[in-house]
Amino acid sequence: MRTFDFSPFARNAIGFETLFDRLNDWPRDANEGYPPYDIVRKGEDQFQINIAVAGFSRDEISITAEASQLTVTGRKPEKDDTDYLYQGIAARPFERRFNLADYIEVESADFENGLLHINLVRRIPEKLKPRNIAIGNVTKLETKGSGKAA
């Protein structure tokens, strides 16, 4: 496993330690390409993950959002008595993980025509949004005779 030295960036990046850790711990999974997926920007703060889950039903798919990670798993029941002559539709179990940035939340999930659509939205708390700070006038008050500012 390779790790990268992010120390040149860390000098100017305060609070990004978790980002650097995530980059070094990037998953290297043998099933990285399965199932295929798209990530679509739907607006400035809206995103959608579309995962091709042909052959799976709603009940065989699980979506878990925890801290800054979204996990989608699919598992077919073990008892399948079908006698395939050829099986081209992959039905193997999968687990797909997505790292989510701060303030990204899962809004909803839909299943349609073999595609799982997971809608995400960025909700930044009001106290963290940019705001203008008014500059006030500061006047020095002097007490008579003492020469000291109050």
C-alpha atoms as a PDB file:
ATOM      1  CA  MET A   1       0.000   0.000   0.000  1.00  0.00           C
ATOM      2  CA  ARG A   2       1.329   3.428  -0.921  1.00  0.00           C
ATOM      3  CA  THR A   3       1.000   6.478   1.223  1.00  0.00           C
ATOM      4  CA  PHE A   4       1.598  10.047   0.188  1.00  0.00           C
ATOM      5  CA  ASP A   5       3.394  12.788   2.058  1.00  0.00           C
ATOM      6  CA  PHE A   6       0.937  15.640   2.498  1.00  0.00           C
ATOM      7  CA  SER A   7       3.172  17.633   4.839  1.00  0.00           C
ATOM      8  CA  PRO A   8       3.803  20.420   2.264  1.00  0.00           C
ATOM      9  CA  PHE A   9       0.045  20.979   2.090  1.00  0.00           C
ATOM     10  CA  ALA A  10      -0.491  20.575   5.827  1.00  0.00           C
ATOM     11  CA  ARG A  11       1.599  23.680   6.517  1.00  0.00           C
ATOM     12  CA  ASN A  12      -1.123  25.889   5.029  1.00  0.00           C
ATOM     13  CA  ALA A  13      -4.186  23.715   5.586  1.00  0.00           C
ATOM     14  CA  ILE A  14      -5.551  23.847   9.105  1.00  0.00           C
ATOM     15  CA  GLY A  15      -8.131  21.229  10.020  1.00  0.00           C
ATOM     16  CA  PHE A  16      -7.719  19.136   6.867  1.00  0.00           C
ATOM     17  CA  GLU A  17      -6.047  16.198   8.609  1.00  0.00           C
ATOM     18  CA  THR A  18      -9.078  13.971   8.045  1.00  0.00           C
ATOM     19  CA  LEU A  19      -9.012  14.759   4.327  1.00  0.00           C
ATOM     20  CA  PHE A  20      -5.364  13.719   4.084  1.00  0.00           C
ATOM     21  CA  ASP A  21      -6.136  10.560   6.051  1.00  0.00           C
ATOM     22  CA  ARG A  22      -8.997   9.740   3.689  1.00  0.00           C
ATOM     23  CA  LEU A  23      -6.748  10.154   0.669  1.00  0.00           C
ATOM     24  CA  ASN A  24      -4.180   7.776   2.156  1.00  0.00           C
ATOM     25  CA  ASP A  25      -6.862   5.254   3.142  1.00  0.00           C
ATOM     26  CA  TRP A  26      -8.582   5.314  -0.234  1.00  0.00           C
ATOM     27  CA  PRO A  27     -10.174   1.884  -0.713  1.00  0.00           C
ATOM     28  CA  ARG A  28      -8.474  -0.443  -3.134  1.00  0.00           C
ATOM     29  CA  ASP A  29     -11.145  -3.075  -3.624  1.00  0.00           C
ATOM     30  CA  ALA A  30     -11.021  -5.883  -6.173  1.00  0.00           C
ATOM     31  CA  ASN A  31     -14.711  -5.238  -6.989  1.00  0.00           C
ATOM     32  CA  GLU A  32     -14.163  -1.514  -7.478  1.00  0.00           C
ATOM     33  CA  GLY A  33     -16.072  -1.478 -10.757  1.00  0.00           C
ATOM     34  CA  TYR A  34     -19.135  -3.367  -9.526  1.00  0.00           C
ATOM     35  CA  PRO A  35     -21.796  -2.226  -9.557  1.00  0.00           C
ATOM     36  CA  PRO A  36     -21.259   0.653 -11.953  1.00  0.00           C
ATOM     37  CA  TYR A  37     -22.440   4.082 -10.837  1.00  0.00           C
ATOM     38  CA  ASP A  38     -22.691   7.736 -11.836  1.00  0.00           C
ATOM     39  CA  ILE A  39     -22.464  10.839  -9.671  1.00  0.00           C
ATOM     40  CA  VAL A  40     -24.502  13.738 -11.051  1.00  0.00           C
ATOM     41  CA  ARG A  41     -24.628  17.375  -9.934  1.00  0.00           C
ATOM     42  CA  LYS A  42     -28.291  18.407  -9.883  1.00  0.00           C
ATOM     43  CA  GLY A  43     -27.715  21.948  -8.573  1.00  0.00           C
ATOM     44  CA  GLU A  44     -25.205  23.989  -6.637  1.00  0.00           C
ATOM     45  CA  ASP A  45     -25.860  22.022  -3.437  1.00  0.00           C
ATOM     46  CA  GLN A  46     -27.647  18.943  -4.800  1.00  0.00           C
ATOM     47  CA  PHE A  47     -26.161  15.687  -6.053  1.00  0.00           C
ATOM     48  CA  GLN A  48     -27.410  12.284  -7.115  1.00  0.00           C
ATOM     49  CA  ILE A  49     -25.691   8.905  -7.108  1.00  0.00           C
ATOM     50  CA  ASN A  50     -27.127   6.480  -9.667  1.00  0.00           C
ATOM     51  CA  ILE A  51     -26.140   2.832  -9.165  1.00  0.00           C
ATOM     52  CA  ALA A  52     -26.948   0.107 -11.703  1.00  0.00           C
ATOM     53  CA  VAL A  53     -28.395  -2.727  -9.621  1.00  0.00           C
ATOM     54  CA  ALA A  54     -29.998  -4.895 -12.298  1.00  0.00           C
ATOM     55  CA  GLY A  55     -31.263  -8.165 -10.861  1.00  0.00           C
ATOM     56  CA  PHE A  56     -31.674  -6.807  -7.320  1.00  0.00           C
ATOM     57  CA  SER A  57     -34.965  -5.853  -5.706  1.00  0.00           C
ATOM     58  CA  ARG A  58     -35.573  -3.073  -3.163  1.00  0.00           C
ATOM     59  CA  ASP A  59     -35.565  -5.598  -0.327  1.00  0.00           C
ATOM     60  CA  GLU A  60     -32.122  -6.895  -1.285  1.00  0.00           C
ATOM     61  CA  ILE A  61     -30.459  -3.455  -1.095  1.00  0.00           C
ATOM     62  CA  SER A  62     -29.464  -1.603   2.053  1.00  0.00           C
ATOM     63  CA  ILE A  63     -28.374   2.051   2.319  1.00  0.00           C
ATOM     64  CA  THR A  64     -26.567   3.273   5.452  1.00  0.00           C
ATOM     65  CA  ALA A  65     -25.423   6.843   6.114  1.00  0.00           C
ATOM     66  CA  GLU A  66     -22.990   7.132   9.003  1.00  0.00           C
ATOM     67  CA  ALA A  67     -20.866  10.193   9.854  1.00  0.00           C
ATOM     68  CA  SER A  68     -19.131  11.073   6.593  1.00  0.00           C
ATOM     69  CA  GLN A  69     -19.666   7.796   4.761  1.00  0.00           C
ATOM     70  CA  LEU A  70     -22.507   6.366   2.692  1.00  0.00           C
ATOM     71  CA  THR A  71     -22.593   2.580   2.274  1.00  0.00           C
ATOM     72  CA  VAL A  72     -24.772   0.736  -0.228  1.00  0.00           C
ATOM     73  CA  THR A  73     -24.909  -3.059   0.024  1.00  0.00           C
ATOM     74  CA  GLY A  74     -26.723  -5.635  -2.049  1.00  0.00           C
ATOM     75  CA  ARG A  75     -27.264  -9.260  -1.160  1.00  0.00           C
ATOM     76  CA  LYS A  76     -29.359 -11.878  -2.921  1.00  0.00           C
ATOM     77  CA  PRO A  77     -30.975 -14.650  -0.869  1.00  0.00           C
ATOM     78  CA  GLU A  78     -28.851 -17.797  -0.639  1.00  0.00           C
ATOM     79  CA  LYS A  79     -31.546 -20.204  -1.806  1.00  0.00           C
ATOM     80  CA  ASP A  80     -31.774 -19.874  -5.558  1.00  0.00           C
ATOM     81  CA  ASP A  81     -32.739 -23.086  -7.346  1.00  0.00           C
ATOM     82  CA  THR A  82     -32.526 -21.591 -10.817  1.00  0.00           C
ATOM     83  CA  ASP A  83     -30.622 -23.763 -13.321  1.00  0.00           C
ATOM     84  CA  TYR A  84     -28.786 -21.196 -15.452  1.00  0.00           C
ATOM     85  CA  LEU A  85     -27.433 -22.171 -18.844  1.00  0.00           C
ATOM     86  CA  TYR A  86     -25.627 -18.831 -18.891  1.00  0.00           C
ATOM     87  CA  GLN A  87     -25.682 -16.124 -16.226  1.00  0.00           C
ATOM     88  CA  GLY A  88     -24.558 -12.761 -17.598  1.00  0.00           C
ATOM     89  CA  ILE A  89     -26.385 -10.571 -15.088  1.00  0.00           C
ATOM     90  CA  ALA A  90     -24.159 -10.254 -12.057  1.00  0.00           C
ATOM     91  CA  ALA A  91     -25.987 -11.125  -8.859  1.00  0.00           C
ATOM     92  CA  ARG A  92     -23.003 -11.349  -6.548  1.00  0.00           C
ATOM     93  CA  PRO A  93     -23.154  -9.457  -3.278  1.00  0.00           C
ATOM     94  CA  PHE A  94     -21.650  -5.987  -3.271  1.00  0.00           C
ATOM     95  CA  GLU A  95     -20.728  -3.180  -0.941  1.00  0.00           C
ATOM     96  CA  ARG A  96     -20.092   0.259  -2.380  1.00  0.00           C
ATOM     97  CA  ARG A  97     -18.794   3.057  -0.124  1.00  0.00           C
ATOM     98  CA  PHE A  98     -18.875   6.781  -0.786  1.00  0.00           C
ATOM     99  CA  ASN A  99     -17.043   9.356   1.321  1.00  0.00           C
ATOM    100  CA  LEU A 100     -19.224  12.389   1.903  1.00  0.00           C
ATOM    101  CA  ALA A 101     -17.940  15.905   2.442  1.00  0.00           C
ATOM    102  CA  ASP A 102     -18.934  17.873   5.506  1.00  0.00           C
ATOM    103  CA  TYR A 103     -22.610  18.857   5.626  1.00  0.00           C
ATOM    104  CA  ILE A 104     -23.650  16.460   2.824  1.00  0.00           C
ATOM    105  CA  GLU A 105     -26.814  14.610   3.843  1.00  0.00           C
ATOM    106  CA  VAL A 106     -28.804  11.827   2.216  1.00  0.00           C
ATOM    107  CA  GLU A 107     -32.156  13.332   1.357  1.00  0.00           C
ATOM    108  CA  SER A 108     -33.935  10.369  -0.272  1.00  0.00           C
ATOM    109  CA  ALA A 109     -33.503   7.187  -2.316  1.00  0.00           C
ATOM    110  CA  ASP A 110     -35.569   5.821  -5.191  1.00  0.00           C
ATOM    111  CA  PHE A 111     -35.475   2.579  -7.155  1.00  0.00           C
ATOM    112  CA  GLU A 112     -36.559   2.646 -10.785  1.00  0.00           C
ATOM    113  CA  ASN A 113     -35.832   0.483 -13.858  1.00  0.00           C
ATOM    114  CA  GLY A 114     -32.862  -1.294 -12.281  1.00  0.00           C
ATOM    115  CA  LEU A 115     -31.264   1.945 -11.090  1.00  0.00           C
ATOM    116  CA  LEU A 116     -30.922   3.049  -7.497  1.00  0.00           C
ATOM    117  CA  HIS A 117     -31.058   6.859  -7.206  1.00  0.00           C
ATOM    118  CA  ILE A 118     -29.673   8.375  -4.000  1.00  0.00           C
ATOM    119  CA  ASN A 119     -30.312  12.097  -3.637  1.00  0.00           C
ATOM    120  CA  LEU A 120     -27.839  14.137  -1.592  1.00  0.00           C
ATOM    121  CA  VAL A 121     -27.949  17.738  -0.458  1.00  0.00           C
ATOM    122  CA  ARG A 122     -25.384  20.048   1.140  1.00  0.00           C
ATOM    123  CA  ARG A 123     -26.866  21.823   4.156  1.00  0.00           C
ATOM    124  CA  ILE A 124     -24.434  24.302   5.673  1.00  0.00           C
ATOM    125  CA  PRO A 125     -25.506  25.555   9.111  1.00  0.00           C
ATOM    126  CA  GLU A 126     -26.407  29.249   9.231  1.00  0.00           C
ATOM    127  CA  LYS A 127     -23.601  30.035  11.672  1.00  0.00           C
ATOM    128  CA  LEU A 128     -21.034  28.744   9.142  1.00  0.00           C
ATOM    129  CA  LYS A 129     -22.341  30.654   6.123  1.00  0.00           C
ATOM    130  CA  PRO A 130     -20.465  33.809   5.100  1.00  0.00           C
ATOM    131  CA  ARG A 131     -21.775  36.978   6.711  1.00  0.00           C
ATOM    132  CA  ASN A 132     -20.844  40.643   6.678  1.00  0.00           C
ATOM    133  CA  ILE A 133     -19.383  42.133   9.818  1.00  0.00           C
ATOM    134  CA  ALA A 134     -20.191  45.782  10.480  1.00  0.00           C
ATOM    135  CA  ILE A 135     -17.287  48.012  11.417  1.00  0.00           C
ATOM    136  CA  GLY A 136     -18.159  50.291  14.298  1.00  0.00           C
ATOM    137  CA  ASN A 137     -16.554  53.491  15.616  1.00  0.00           C
ATOM    138  CA  VAL A 138     -14.387  53.187  18.685  1.00  0.00           C
ATOM    139  CA  THR A 139     -13.890  56.372  20.695  1.00  0.00           C
ATOM    140  CA  LYS A 140     -11.487  56.767  23.574  1.00  0.00           C
ATOM    141  CA  LEU A 141     -12.937  58.160  26.724  1.00  0.00           C
ATOM    142  CA  GLU A 142     -10.561  60.070  28.950  1.00  0.00           C
ATOM    143  CA  THR A 143     -11.220  60.856  32.556  1.00  0.00           C
ATOM    144  CA  LYS A 144     -10.431  64.426  33.522  1.00  0.00           C
ATOM    145  CA  GLY A 145      -7.154  64.975  35.249  1.00  0.00           C
ATOM    146  CA  SER A 146      -5.917  61.376  35.268  1.00  0.00           C
ATOM    147  CA  GLY A 147      -4.724  61.163  31.655  1.00  0.00           C
ATOM    148  CA  LYS A 148      -5.812  57.498  31.507  1.00  0.00           C
ATOM    149  CA  ALA A 149      -8.309  56.061  29.028  1.00  0.00           C
ATOM    150  CA  ALA A 150     -11.350  54.483  30.560  1.00  0.00           C
END
